[in-house]
PDB file of N, CA and C in Angstrom:
ATOM      1  N   MET A   1      17.776  -4.915   9.705  1.00  0.00           N
ATOM      2  CA  MET A   1      16.582  -4.146   9.445  1.00  0.00           C
ATOM      3  C   MET A   1      16.760  -3.279   8.203  1.00  0.00           C
ATOM      4  N   ALA A   2      17.893  -2.606   8.123  1.00  0.00           N
ATOM      5  CA  ALA A   2      18.122  -1.709   6.992  1.00  0.00           C
ATOM      6  C   ALA A   2      18.268  -2.497   5.695  1.00  0.00           C
ATOM      7  N   LEU A   3      18.942  -3.622   5.751  1.00  0.00           N
ATOM      8  CA  LEU A   3      19.137  -4.428   4.548  1.00  0.00           C
ATOM      9  C   LEU A   3      17.816  -5.014   4.055  1.00  0.00           C
ATOM     10  N   ASP A   4      17.023  -5.522   4.971  1.00  0.00           N
ATOM     11  CA  ASP A   4      15.724  -6.097   4.600  1.00  0.00           C
ATOM     12  C   ASP A   4      14.787  -5.026   4.027  1.00  0.00           C
ATOM     13  N   ALA A   5      14.733  -3.873   4.668  1.00  0.00           N
ATOM     14  CA  ALA A   5      13.873  -2.796   4.175  1.00  0.00           C
ATOM     15  C   ALA A   5      14.386  -2.266   2.838  1.00  0.00           C
ATOM     16  N   GLY A   6      15.687  -2.226   2.657  1.00  0.00           N
ATOM     17  CA  GLY A   6      16.246  -1.805   1.377  1.00  0.00           C
ATOM     18  C   GLY A   6      15.890  -2.781   0.264  1.00  0.00           C
ATOM     19  N   TRP A   7      15.926  -4.073   0.573  1.00  0.00           N
ATOM     20  CA  TRP A   7      15.538  -5.084  -0.418  1.00  0.00           C
ATOM     21  C   TRP A   7      14.049  -4.961  -0.759  1.00  0.00           C
ATOM     22  N   ASP A   8      13.221  -4.724   0.253  1.00  0.00           N
ATOM     23  CA  ASP A   8      11.793  -4.518   0.006  1.00  0.00           C
ATOM     24  C   ASP A   8      11.546  -3.267  -0.836  1.00  0.00           C
ATOM     25  N   ALA A   9      12.326  -2.212  -0.591  1.00  0.00           N
ATOM     26  CA  ALA A   9      12.194  -0.986  -1.388  1.00  0.00           C
ATOM     27  C   ALA A   9      12.539  -1.266  -2.849  1.00  0.00           C
ATOM     28  N   TYR A  10      13.586  -2.031  -3.078  1.00  0.00           N
ATOM     29  CA  TYR A  10      13.968  -2.382  -4.452  1.00  0.00           C
ATOM     30  C   TYR A  10      12.881  -3.209  -5.126  1.00  0.00           C
ATOM     31  N   TYR A  11      12.308  -4.161  -4.396  1.00  0.00           N
ATOM     32  CA  TYR A  11      11.254  -5.008  -4.957  1.00  0.00           C
ATOM     33  C   TYR A  11      10.014  -4.185  -5.313  1.00  0.00           C
ATOM     34  N   GLU A  12       9.589  -3.326  -4.399  1.00  0.00           N
ATOM     35  CA  GLU A  12       8.406  -2.508  -4.660  1.00  0.00           C
ATOM     36  C   GLU A  12       8.647  -1.544  -5.825  1.00  0.00           C
ATOM     37  N   TYR A  13       9.848  -1.010  -5.928  1.00  0.00           N
ATOM     38  CA  TYR A  13      10.166  -0.129  -7.047  1.00  0.00           C
ATOM     39  C   TYR A  13      10.104  -0.893  -8.360  1.00  0.00           C
ATOM     40  N   ARG A  14      10.654  -2.108  -8.349  1.00  0.00           N
ATOM     41  CA  ARG A  14      10.622  -2.949  -9.549  1.00  0.00           C
ATOM     42  C   ARG A  14       9.202  -3.335  -9.938  1.00  0.00           C
ATOM     43  N   MET A  15       8.329  -3.486  -8.945  1.00  0.00           N
ATOM     44  CA  MET A  15       6.949  -3.849  -9.203  1.00  0.00           C
ATOM     45  C   MET A  15       6.082  -2.644  -9.585  1.00  0.00           C
ATOM     46  N   GLY A  16       6.653  -1.454  -9.589  1.00  0.00           N
ATOM     47  CA  GLY A  16       5.932  -0.267 -10.022  1.00  0.00           C
ATOM     48  C   GLY A  16       5.261   0.516  -8.920  1.00  0.00           C
ATOM     49  N   ASN A  17       5.422   0.113  -7.672  1.00  0.00           N
ATOM     50  CA  ASN A  17       4.806   0.826  -6.555  1.00  0.00           C
ATOM     51  C   ASN A  17       5.856   1.747  -5.929  1.00  0.00           C
ATOM     52  N   HIS A  18       6.044   2.915  -6.537  1.00  0.00           N
ATOM     53  CA  HIS A  18       7.123   3.806  -6.128  1.00  0.00           C
ATOM     54  C   HIS A  18       6.869   4.461  -4.773  1.00  0.00           C
ATOM     55  N   LYS A  19       5.617   4.658  -4.404  1.00  0.00           N
ATOM     56  CA  LYS A  19       5.317   5.293  -3.117  1.00  0.00           C
ATOM     57  C   LYS A  19       5.634   4.349  -1.963  1.00  0.00           C
ATOM     58  N   ALA A  20       5.287   3.078  -2.102  1.00  0.00           N
ATOM     59  CA  ALA A  20       5.639   2.114  -1.061  1.00  0.00           C
ATOM     60  C   ALA A  20       7.152   1.914  -1.018  1.00  0.00           C
ATOM     61  N   ALA A  21       7.807   1.988  -2.173  1.00  0.00           N
ATOM     62  CA  ALA A  21       9.274   1.875  -2.203  1.00  0.00           C
ATOM     63  C   ALA A  21       9.910   3.013  -1.411  1.00  0.00           C
ATOM     64  N   PHE A  22       9.335   4.208  -1.511  1.00  0.00           N
ATOM     65  CA  PHE A  22       9.839   5.333  -0.733  1.00  0.00           C
ATOM     66  C   PHE A  22       9.678   5.069   0.768  1.00  0.00           C
ATOM     67  N   GLY A  23       8.531   4.489   1.159  1.00  0.00           N
ATOM     68  CA  GLY A  23       8.310   4.154   2.561  1.00  0.00           C
ATOM     69  C   GLY A  23       9.316   3.134   3.073  1.00  0.00           C
ATOM     70  N   TYR A  24       9.586   2.118   2.260  1.00  0.00           N
ATOM     71  CA  TYR A  24      10.592   1.133   2.661  1.00  0.00           C
ATOM     72  C   TYR A  24      11.982   1.752   2.703  1.00  0.00           C
ATOM     73  N   GLY A  25      12.230   2.733   1.845  1.00  0.00           N
ATOM     74  CA  GLY A  25      13.499   3.459   1.912  1.00  0.00           C
ATOM     75  C   GLY A  25      13.637   4.233   3.216  1.00  0.00           C
ATOM     76  N   LEU A  26      12.529   4.820   3.673  1.00  0.00           N
ATOM     77  CA  LEU A  26      12.550   5.492   4.978  1.00  0.00           C
ATOM     78  C   LEU A  26      12.840   4.500   6.103  1.00  0.00           C
ATOM     79  N   LEU A  27      12.261   3.308   6.002  1.00  0.00           N
ATOM     80  CA  LEU A  27      12.543   2.286   7.018  1.00  0.00           C
ATOM     81  C   LEU A  27      14.001   1.858   6.985  1.00  0.00           C
ATOM     82  N   ALA A  28      14.579   1.763   5.790  1.00  0.00           N
ATOM     83  CA  ALA A  28      16.004   1.430   5.690  1.00  0.00           C
ATOM     84  C   ALA A  28      16.853   2.531   6.325  1.00  0.00           C
ATOM     85  N   GLY A  29      16.470   3.776   6.091  1.00  0.00           N
ATOM     86  CA  GLY A  29      17.182   4.889   6.721  1.00  0.00           C
ATOM     87  C   GLY A  29      17.072   4.866   8.236  1.00  0.00           C
ATOM     88  N   SER A  30      15.922   4.435   8.747  1.00  0.00           N
ATOM     89  CA  SER A  30      15.783   4.344  10.207  1.00  0.00           C
ATOM     90  C   SER A  30      16.680   3.251  10.761  1.00  0.00           C
ATOM     91  N   GLY A  31      16.824   2.160  10.035  1.00  0.00           N
ATOM     92  CA  GLY A  31      17.736   1.101  10.488  1.00  0.00           C
ATOM     93  C   GLY A  31      19.175   1.586  10.541  1.00  0.00           C
ATOM     94  N   ILE A  32      19.569   2.383   9.562  1.00  0.00           N
ATOM     95  CA  ILE A  32      20.926   2.950   9.573  1.00  0.00           C
ATOM     96  C   ILE A  32      21.078   3.929  10.727  1.00  0.00           C
ATOM     97  N   ALA A  33      20.054   4.733  10.984  1.00  0.00           N
ATOM     98  CA  ALA A  33      20.116   5.689  12.102  1.00  0.00           C
ATOM     99  C   ALA A  33      20.208   4.956  13.438  1.00  0.00           C
ATOM    100  N   PHE A  34      19.449   3.846  13.576  1.00  0.00           N
ATOM    101  CA  PHE A  34      19.557   3.053  14.810  1.00  0.00           C
ATOM    102  C   PHE A  34      20.951   2.453  14.946  1.00  0.00           C
ATOM    103  N   GLY A  35      21.542   2.055  13.839  1.00  0.00           N
ATOM    104  CA  GLY A  35      22.914   1.542  13.875  1.00  0.00           C
ATOM    105  C   GLY A  35      23.894   2.607  14.327  1.00  0.00           C
ATOM    106  N   PHE A  36      23.742   3.840  13.815  1.00  0.00           N
ATOM    107  CA  PHE A  36      24.599   4.926  14.270  1.00  0.00           C
ATOM    108  C   PHE A  36      24.394   5.200  15.754  1.00  0.00           C
ATOM    109  N   ALA A  37      23.154   5.117  16.223  1.00  0.00           N
ATOM    110  CA  ALA A  37      22.880   5.369  17.642  1.00  0.00           C
ATOM    111  C   ALA A  37      23.582   4.344  18.522  1.00  0.00           C
ATOM    112  N   SER A  38      23.656   3.101  18.056  1.00  0.00           N
ATOM    113  CA  SER A  38      24.319   2.083  18.877  1.00  0.00           C
ATOM    114  C   SER A  38      25.840   2.186  18.787  1.00  0.00           C
ATOM    115  N   VAL A  39      26.367   2.678  17.665  1.00  0.00           N
ATOM    116  CA  VAL A  39      27.813   2.795  17.500  1.00  0.00           C
ATOM    117  C   VAL A  39      28.361   4.008  18.248  1.00  0.00           C
ATOM    118  N   VAL A  40      27.596   5.076  18.291  1.00  0.00           N
ATOM    119  CA  VAL A  40      28.077   6.319  18.893  1.00  0.00           C
ATOM    120  C   VAL A  40      28.381   6.118  20.367  1.00  0.00           C
ATOM    121  N   GLY A  41      27.471   5.495  21.079  1.00  0.00           N
ATOM    122  CA  GLY A  41      27.689   5.264  22.504  1.00  0.00           C
ATOM    123  C   GLY A  41      27.904   6.557  23.256  1.00  0.00           C
ATOM    124  N   LYS A  42      28.920   6.590  24.105  1.00  0.00           N
ATOM    125  CA  LYS A  42      29.185   7.777  24.915  1.00  0.00           C
ATOM    126  C   LYS A  42      30.173   8.722  24.246  1.00  0.00           C
ATOM    127  N   SER A  43      30.731   8.317  23.109  1.00  0.00           N
ATOM    128  CA  SER A  43      31.771   9.150  22.501  1.00  0.00           C
ATOM    129  C   SER A  43      31.244  10.492  22.031  1.00  0.00           C
ATOM    130  N   GLY A  44      29.974  10.545  21.668  1.00  0.00           N
ATOM    131  CA  GLY A  44      29.410  11.868  21.430  1.00  0.00           C
ATOM    132  C   GLY A  44      29.115  12.225  20.003  1.00  0.00           C
ATOM    133  N   LEU A  45      30.063  12.742  19.271  1.00  0.00           N
ATOM    134  CA  LEU A  45      29.747  13.477  18.058  1.00  0.00           C
ATOM    135  C   LEU A  45      30.034  12.706  16.771  1.00  0.00           C
ATOM    136  N   LEU A  46      29.540  11.516  16.623  1.00  0.00           N
ATOM    137  CA  LEU A  46      29.667  10.834  15.341  1.00  0.00           C
ATOM    138  C   LEU A  46      28.655  11.449  14.386  1.00  0.00           C
ATOM    139  N   LEU A  47      29.154  12.092  13.366  1.00  0.00           N
ATOM    140  CA  LEU A  47      28.313  12.768  12.375  1.00  0.00           C
ATOM    141  C   LEU A  47      27.356  13.766  13.022  1.00  0.00           C
ATOM    142  N   VAL A  48      27.867  14.588  13.884  1.00  0.00           N
ATOM    143  CA  VAL A  48      27.218  15.744  14.500  1.00  0.00           C
ATOM    144  C   VAL A  48      26.228  15.388  15.610  1.00  0.00           C
ATOM    145  N   LEU A  49      25.398  14.387  15.422  1.00  0.00           N
ATOM    146  CA  LEU A  49      24.388  14.044  16.425  1.00  0.00           C
ATOM    147  C   LEU A  49      24.969  13.063  17.442  1.00  0.00           C
ATOM    148  N   GLY A  50      24.495  13.149  18.645  1.00  0.00           N
ATOM    149  CA  GLY A  50      24.863  12.162  19.658  1.00  0.00           C
ATOM    150  C   GLY A  50      23.958  10.941  19.560  1.00  0.00           C
ATOM    151  N   PRO A  51      24.084  10.016  20.502  1.00  0.00           N
ATOM    152  CA  PRO A  51      23.254   8.811  20.431  1.00  0.00           C
ATOM    153  C   PRO A  51      21.758   9.113  20.545  1.00  0.00           C
ATOM    154  N   LYS A  52      21.393  10.085  21.370  1.00  0.00           N
ATOM    155  CA  LYS A  52      19.973  10.423  21.492  1.00  0.00           C
ATOM    156  C   LYS A  52      19.443  11.046  20.213  1.00  0.00           C
ATOM    157  N   GLY A  53      20.254  11.827  19.557  1.00  0.00           N
ATOM    158  CA  GLY A  53      19.839  12.436  18.298  1.00  0.00           C
ATOM    159  C   GLY A  53      19.613  11.397  17.210  1.00  0.00           C
ATOM    160  N   TRP A  54      20.549  10.420  17.101  1.00  0.00           N
ATOM    161  CA  TRP A  54      20.376   9.366  16.097  1.00  0.00           C
ATOM    162  C   TRP A  54      19.188   8.472  16.426  1.00  0.00           C
ATOM    163  N   LEU A  55      18.953   8.259  17.720  1.00  0.00           N
ATOM    164  CA  LEU A  55      17.796   7.480  18.121  1.00  0.00           C
ATOM    165  C   LEU A  55      16.498   8.197  17.746  1.00  0.00           C
ATOM    166  N   ALA A  56      16.462   9.506  17.966  1.00  0.00           N
ATOM    167  CA  ALA A  56      15.272  10.292  17.597  1.00  0.00           C
ATOM    168  C   ALA A  56      15.067  10.293  16.087  1.00  0.00           C
ATOM    169  N   VAL A  57      16.148  10.436  15.317  1.00  0.00           N
ATOM    170  CA  VAL A  57      16.045  10.395  13.856  1.00  0.00           C
ATOM    171  C   VAL A  57      15.534   9.027  13.411  1.00  0.00           C
ATOM    172  N   GLY A  58      16.028   7.958  14.027  1.00  0.00           N
ATOM    173  CA  GLY A  58      15.582   6.610  13.676  1.00  0.00           C
ATOM    174  C   GLY A  58      14.104   6.396  13.953  1.00  0.00           C
ATOM    175  N   VAL A  59      13.642   6.885  15.097  1.00  0.00           N
ATOM    176  CA  VAL A  59      12.224   6.731  15.438  1.00  0.00           C
ATOM    177  C   VAL A  59      11.347   7.524  14.472  1.00  0.00           C
ATOM    178  N   ILE A  60      11.755   8.749  14.152  1.00  0.00           N
ATOM    179  CA  ILE A  60      10.975   9.579  13.218  1.00  0.00           C
ATOM    180  C   ILE A  60      10.917   8.923  11.846  1.00  0.00           C
ATOM    181  N   LEU A  61      12.058   8.426  11.355  1.00  0.00           N
ATOM    182  CA  LEU A  61      12.072   7.764  10.045  1.00  0.00           C
ATOM    183  C   LEU A  61      11.253   6.481  10.054  1.00  0.00           C
ATOM    184  N   ALA A  62      11.310   5.726  11.156  1.00  0.00           N
ATOM    185  CA  ALA A  62      10.557   4.480  11.233  1.00  0.00           C
ATOM    186  C   ALA A  62       9.052   4.734  11.217  1.00  0.00           C
ATOM    187  N   VAL A  63       8.614   5.713  11.978  1.00  0.00           N
ATOM    188  CA  VAL A  63       7.176   6.027  12.013  1.00  0.00           C
ATOM    189  C   VAL A  63       6.710   6.535  10.648  1.00  0.00           C
ATOM    190  N   ALA A  64       7.488   7.425  10.047  1.00  0.00           N
ATOM    191  CA  ALA A  64       7.115   7.948   8.727  1.00  0.00           C
ATOM    192  C   ALA A  64       7.128   6.841   7.676  1.00  0.00           C
ATOM    193  N   GLY A  65       8.112   5.952   7.742  1.00  0.00           N
ATOM    194  CA  GLY A  65       8.187   4.857   6.785  1.00  0.00           C
ATOM    195  C   GLY A  65       7.039   3.879   6.931  1.00  0.00           C
ATOM    196  N   LEU A  66       6.697   3.521   8.161  1.00  0.00           N
ATOM    197  CA  LEU A  66       5.575   2.605   8.376  1.00  0.00           C
ATOM    198  C   LEU A  66       4.257   3.212   7.916  1.00  0.00           C
ATOM    199  N   ALA A  67       4.061   4.490   8.202  1.00  0.00           N
ATOM    200  CA  ALA A  67       2.825   5.148   7.763  1.00  0.00           C
ATOM    201  C   ALA A  67       2.741   5.185   6.237  1.00  0.00           C
ATOM    202  N   THR A  68       3.866   5.445   5.578  1.00  0.00           N
ATOM    203  CA  THR A  68       3.881   5.487   4.112  1.00  0.00           C
ATOM    204  C   THR A  68       3.619   4.110   3.522  1.00  0.00           C
ATOM    205  N   VAL A  69       4.247   3.083   4.084  1.00  0.00           N
ATOM    206  CA  VAL A  69       4.050   1.718   3.572  1.00  0.00           C
ATOM    207  C   VAL A  69       2.604   1.286   3.764  1.00  0.00           C
ATOM    208  N   PHE A  70       2.029   1.540   4.923  1.00  0.00           N
ATOM    209  CA  PHE A  70       0.631   1.147   5.152  1.00  0.00           C
ATOM    210  C   PHE A  70      -0.330   1.930   4.265  1.00  0.00           C
ATOM    211  N   ALA A  71      -0.006   3.184   3.977  1.00  0.00           N
ATOM    212  CA  ALA A  71      -0.898   3.995   3.147  1.00  0.00           C
ATOM    213  C   ALA A  71      -0.852   3.591   1.678  1.00  0.00           C
ATOM    214  N   PHE A  72       0.302   3.143   1.202  1.00  0.00           N
ATOM    215  CA  PHE A  72       0.463   2.896  -0.228  1.00  0.00           C
ATOM    216  C   PHE A  72       0.711   1.439  -0.576  1.00  0.00           C
ATOM    217  N   SER A  73       0.425   0.511   0.323  1.00  0.00           N
ATOM    218  CA  SER A  73       0.571  -0.905  -0.008  1.00  0.00           C
ATOM    219  C   SER A  73      -0.509  -1.301  -0.999  1.00  0.00           C
ATOM    220  N   ASP A  74      -0.162  -2.202  -1.878  1.00  0.00           N
ATOM    221  CA  ASP A  74      -1.089  -2.619  -2.930  1.00  0.00           C
ATOM    222  C   ASP A  74      -1.872  -3.849  -2.517  1.00  0.00           C
ATOM    223  N   GLU A  75      -3.091  -3.878  -2.958  1.00  0.00           N
ATOM    224  CA  GLU A  75      -3.935  -5.055  -2.824  1.00  0.00           C
ATOM    225  C   GLU A  75      -3.654  -5.978  -4.017  1.00  0.00           C
ATOM    226  N   PRO A  76      -4.011  -7.251  -3.925  1.00  0.00           N
ATOM    227  CA  PRO A  76      -3.769  -8.164  -5.058  1.00  0.00           C
ATOM    228  C   PRO A  76      -4.414  -7.699  -6.363  1.00  0.00           C
ATOM    229  N   LEU A  77      -5.573  -7.052  -6.278  1.00  0.00           N
ATOM    230  CA  LEU A  77      -6.213  -6.563  -7.489  1.00  0.00           C
ATOM    231  C   LEU A  77      -5.390  -5.448  -8.135  1.00  0.00           C
ATOM    232  N   ASP A  78      -4.800  -4.573  -7.324  1.00  0.00           N
ATOM    233  CA  ASP A  78      -3.942  -3.518  -7.864  1.00  0.00           C
ATOM    234  C   ASP A  78      -2.728  -4.101  -8.577  1.00  0.00           C
ATOM    235  N   ILE A  79      -2.142  -5.123  -7.976  1.00  0.00           N
ATOM    236  CA  ILE A  79      -0.976  -5.774  -8.587  1.00  0.00           C
ATOM    237  C   ILE A  79      -1.376  -6.408  -9.916  1.00  0.00           C
ATOM    238  N   TRP A  80      -2.517  -7.069  -9.942  1.00  0.00           N
ATOM    239  CA  TRP A  80      -2.962  -7.715 -11.176  1.00  0.00           C
ATOM    240  C   TRP A  80      -3.230  -6.673 -12.259  1.00  0.00           C
ATOM    241  N   MET A  81      -3.832  -5.545 -11.889  1.00  0.00           N
ATOM    242  CA  MET A  81      -4.133  -4.511 -12.881  1.00  0.00           C
ATOM    243  C   MET A  81      -2.861  -3.916 -13.471  1.00  0.00           C
ATOM    244  N   ARG A  82      -1.836  -3.766 -12.675  1.00  0.00           N
ATOM    245  CA  ARG A  82      -0.593  -3.172 -13.163  1.00  0.00           C
ATOM    246  C   ARG A  82       0.213  -4.163 -14.004  1.00  0.00           C
ATOM    247  N   HIS A  83       0.162  -5.452 -13.631  1.00  0.00           N
ATOM    248  CA  HIS A  83       0.968  -6.464 -14.311  1.00  0.00           C
ATOM    249  C   HIS A  83       0.162  -7.390 -15.206  1.00  0.00           C
ATOM    250  N   GLY A  84      -1.144  -7.245 -15.215  1.00  0.00           N
ATOM    251  CA  GLY A  84      -2.018  -8.157 -15.939  1.00  0.00           C
ATOM    252  C   GLY A  84      -2.059  -7.893 -17.436  1.00  0.00           C
ATOM    253  N   PRO A  85      -3.081  -8.387 -18.093  1.00  0.00           N
ATOM    254  CA  PRO A  85      -3.146  -8.318 -19.547  1.00  0.00           C
ATOM    255  C   PRO A  85      -3.205  -6.901 -20.102  1.00  0.00           C
ATOM    256  N   PHE A  86      -3.723  -5.961 -19.356  1.00  0.00           N
ATOM    257  CA  PHE A  86      -3.837  -4.593 -19.850  1.00  0.00           C
ATOM    258  C   PHE A  86      -2.861  -3.640 -19.168  1.00  0.00           C
ATOM    259  N   GLY A  87      -2.026  -4.148 -18.289  1.00  0.00           N
ATOM    260  CA  GLY A  87      -1.094  -3.304 -17.553  1.00  0.00           C
ATOM    261  C   GLY A  87       0.186  -3.032 -18.322  1.00  0.00           C
ATOM    262  N   PRO A  88       0.907  -1.974 -17.930  1.00  0.00           N
ATOM    263  CA  PRO A  88       2.121  -1.596 -18.655  1.00  0.00           C
ATOM    264  C   PRO A  88       3.358  -2.402 -18.264  1.00  0.00           C
ATOM    265  N   LEU A  89       3.344  -3.088 -17.133  1.00  0.00           N
ATOM    266  CA  LEU A  89       4.544  -3.783 -16.662  1.00  0.00           C
ATOM    267  C   LEU A  89       4.502  -5.256 -17.034  1.00  0.00           C
ATOM    268  N   ALA A  90       5.660  -5.811 -17.292  1.00  0.00           N
ATOM    269  CA  ALA A  90       5.741  -7.217 -17.684  1.00  0.00           C
ATOM    270  C   ALA A  90       6.622  -7.999 -16.715  1.00  0.00           C
ATOM    271  N   GLU A  91       6.707  -7.569 -15.473  1.00  0.00           N
ATOM    272  CA  GLU A  91       7.556  -8.234 -14.488  1.00  0.00           C
ATOM    273  C   GLU A  91       7.026  -9.621 -14.133  1.00  0.00           C
ATOM    274  N   LYS A  92       5.715  -9.780 -14.156  1.00  0.00           N
ATOM    275  CA  LYS A  92       5.104 -11.066 -13.819  1.00  0.00           C
ATOM    276  C   LYS A  92       4.370 -11.594 -15.048  1.00  0.00           C
ATOM    277  N   PRO A  93       5.074 -12.265 -15.948  1.00  0.00           N
ATOM    278  CA  PRO A  93       4.449 -12.662 -17.214  1.00  0.00           C
ATOM    279  C   PRO A  93       3.345 -13.700 -17.057  1.00  0.00           C
ATOM    280  N   PHE A  94       3.320 -14.436 -15.953  1.00  0.00           N
ATOM    281  CA  PHE A  94       2.267 -15.438 -15.783  1.00  0.00           C
ATOM    282  C   PHE A  94       0.897 -14.799 -15.635  1.00  0.00           C
ATOM    283  N   LEU A  95       0.830 -13.513 -15.300  1.00  0.00           N
ATOM    284  CA  LEU A  95      -0.453 -12.838 -15.205  1.00  0.00           C
ATOM    285  C   LEU A  95      -0.993 -12.440 -16.577  1.00  0.00           C
ATOM    286  N   LYS A  96      -0.149 -12.482 -17.597  1.00  0.00           N
ATOM    287  CA  LYS A  96      -0.584 -12.116 -18.937  1.00  0.00           C
ATOM    288  C   LYS A  96      -1.021 -13.328 -19.759  1.00  0.00           C
ATOM    289  N   LYS A  97      -0.748 -14.528 -19.297  1.00  0.00           N
ATOM    290  CA  LYS A  97      -1.097 -15.728 -20.052  1.00  0.00           C
ATOM    291  C   LYS A  97      -2.587 -16.019 -19.938  1.00  0.00           C
ATOM    292  N   ASN A  98      -3.126 -16.539 -21.004  1.00  0.00           N
ATOM    293  CA  ASN A  98      -4.520 -16.941 -21.006  1.00  0.00           C
ATOM    294  C   ASN A  98      -4.620 -18.326 -20.372  1.00  0.00           C
ATOM    295  N   GLN A  99      -5.264 -18.418 -19.231  1.00  0.00           N
ATOM    296  CA  GLN A  99      -5.348 -19.678 -18.500  1.00  0.00           C
ATOM    297  C   GLN A  99      -6.493 -20.556 -18.996  1.00  0.00           C
ATOM    298  N   MET A 100      -7.406 -20.000 -19.741  1.00  0.00           N
ATOM    299  CA  MET A 100      -8.561 -20.771 -20.193  1.00  0.00           C
ATOM    300  C   MET A 100      -8.257 -21.439 -21.531  1.00  0.00           C
ATOM    301  N   LYS A 101      -8.543 -22.708 -21.610  1.00  0.00           N
ATOM    302  CA  LYS A 101      -8.356 -23.435 -22.854  1.00  0.00           C
ATOM    303  C   LYS A 101      -9.706 -23.542 -23.552  1.00  0.00           C
ATOM    304  N   PRO A 102      -9.739 -23.338 -24.841  1.00  0.00           N
ATOM    305  CA  PRO A 102     -11.020 -23.446 -25.531  1.00  0.00           C
ATOM    306  C   PRO A 102     -11.504 -24.893 -25.547  1.00  0.00           C
ATOM    307  N   THR A 103     -12.765 -25.069 -25.322  1.00  0.00           N
ATOM    308  CA  THR A 103     -13.346 -26.410 -25.348  1.00  0.00           C
ATOM    309  C   THR A 103     -14.220 -26.533 -26.589  1.00  0.00           C
ATOM    310  N   ILE A 104     -13.977 -27.566 -27.319  1.00  0.00           N
ATOM    311  CA  ILE A 104     -14.770 -27.825 -28.520  1.00  0.00           C
ATOM    312  C   ILE A 104     -15.647 -29.046 -28.238  1.00  0.00           C
ATOM    313  N   ALA A 105     -16.925 -28.857 -28.300  1.00  0.00           N
ATOM    314  CA  ALA A 105     -17.831 -29.961 -27.979  1.00  0.00           C
ATOM    315  C   ALA A 105     -18.410 -30.582 -29.208  1.00  0.00           C
TER     316      ALA A 105
END
């Protein structure tokens, strides 16, 4: 979960959607917190919080991350505007090519 969300955060950051990248970063953090919750078990004090504390942190980060991703996800038109002929990013060069061929009759 953390690796996949981290990869999505990197992709969204590269595509220019920094707010959604932050949301995916929160989801990656929740995956790490869930991992700590499962590793701690009954031993208690791994990094100050017990298993219930890491579980609560994971749930809070997951909810905040999902809300951020849903709020700032881009529609296809937004992506085209950012990467298209008048946009500042050149990550998707096929959106800048002229697809229409002139016809001479």
